Every structure is written in C-alpha cells, then in structure tokens.
Protein backbone atom coordinates (compact mmCIF):
# COMPACT_ATOMS: atom_id res chain seq x y z
CA UNK A 1 12.47 25.56 -30.84
CA UNK A 2 8.92 25.83 -32.22
CA UNK A 3 9.19 22.28 -33.58
CA UNK A 4 10.12 20.97 -30.11
CA UNK A 5 7.07 22.67 -28.57
CA UNK A 6 4.87 21.23 -31.30
CA UNK A 7 6.24 17.72 -30.71
CA UNK A 8 5.84 18.10 -26.96
CA UNK A 9 2.26 19.33 -27.35
CA UNK A 10 1.38 16.48 -29.70
CA UNK A 11 3.03 13.96 -27.37
CA UNK A 12 1.03 15.33 -24.45
CA UNK A 13 -2.21 15.09 -26.44
CA UNK A 14 -1.41 11.52 -27.45
CA UNK A 15 -0.68 10.62 -23.84
CA UNK A 16 -3.96 12.10 -22.59
CA UNK A 17 -5.93 10.35 -25.33
CA UNK A 18 -4.25 7.02 -24.55
CA UNK A 19 -4.94 7.58 -20.86
CA UNK A 20 -8.64 8.18 -21.53
CA UNK A 21 -8.79 5.02 -23.65
CA UNK A 22 -7.15 2.92 -20.93
CA UNK A 23 -9.45 4.33 -18.25
CA UNK A 24 -12.47 3.20 -20.29
CA UNK A 25 -11.05 -0.34 -20.34
CA UNK A 26 -10.65 -0.55 -16.56
CA UNK A 27 -13.12 -2.83 -14.82
CA UNK A 28 -14.06 -1.01 -11.64
CA UNK A 29 -15.19 -3.00 -8.59
CA UNK A 30 -18.74 -2.59 -7.35
CA UNK A 31 -19.62 -1.35 -3.87
CA UNK A 32 -19.98 -4.85 -2.37
CA UNK A 33 -16.51 -5.86 -3.59
CA UNK A 34 -14.97 -2.69 -2.18
CA UNK A 35 -16.67 -3.19 1.19
CA UNK A 36 -15.59 -6.83 1.45
CA UNK A 37 -11.97 -6.18 0.51
CA UNK A 38 -11.89 -3.21 2.91
CA UNK A 39 -13.14 -5.45 5.71
CA UNK A 40 -10.43 -8.02 4.91
CA UNK A 41 -7.75 -5.33 5.00
CA UNK A 42 -8.98 -3.92 8.33
CA UNK A 43 -9.18 -7.37 9.93
CA UNK A 44 -5.72 -8.23 8.60
CA UNK A 45 -4.26 -5.04 10.06
CA UNK A 46 -5.69 -5.84 13.49
CA UNK A 47 -4.52 -9.46 13.28
CA UNK A 48 -0.98 -8.42 12.39
CA UNK A 49 -1.01 -5.74 15.11
CA UNK A 50 -1.99 -8.37 17.67
CA UNK A 51 0.67 -10.77 16.41
CA UNK A 52 3.39 -8.14 16.57
CA UNK A 53 2.26 -7.05 20.04
CA UNK A 54 2.62 -10.63 21.31
CA UNK A 55 6.02 -11.09 19.62
CA UNK A 56 7.16 -7.72 20.98
CA UNK A 57 6.12 -8.67 24.53
CA UNK A 58 7.94 -12.01 24.28
CA UNK A 59 11.11 -10.42 22.92
CA UNK A 60 10.91 -7.65 25.51
CA UNK A 61 10.73 -10.16 28.37
CA UNK A 62 13.54 -12.21 26.85
CA UNK A 63 15.87 -9.26 26.41
CA UNK A 64 15.10 -7.94 29.90
CA UNK A 65 15.83 -11.40 31.28
CA UNK A 66 19.17 -11.62 29.49
CA UNK A 67 20.16 -8.09 30.52
CA UNK A 68 19.22 -8.67 34.15
CA UNK A 69 21.17 -11.96 34.14
CA UNK A 70 24.36 -10.25 32.93
CA UNK A 71 24.03 -7.10 35.04
CA UNK A 72 23.78 -8.86 38.43
C-alpha cells in the first residue's frame, strides 16, 4: 500500500514537471493576434446567424405553404 502511494506521488510529480516544461514551450499569441482572431470569430458568428436566419425564413415559408396547401 505504501509503495502504491509512493508510485502515485512520484507519477504526479513527474506529470506536473512535464506540464511545466510543455507550458514553457508554448508560443503564446500577442495582443494584436488575439484581437484580430477575436474579430474574425465575432464577424463569422454574425455572418452565420444571418445566413441561418434567411434559411430559416425560407424553410418556414415553404413549410407553411405546403401545410396550407394540404389543409384546404
């Protein structure tokens, strides 16, 4: 039982040390890169929202037309 705890503790330490090493290797974006990619994401979200609103309106009219045709 004590050996299992020792192995677990050593494994946890190794993991944390490896994690710290990997985090030092990460190339973090600068502020300008973050702002530009954020702007692209926001614009894309609005573009897709507009697209889906148009498609939804078209499908809504089409389905209402079909239903009204068959319910007369």
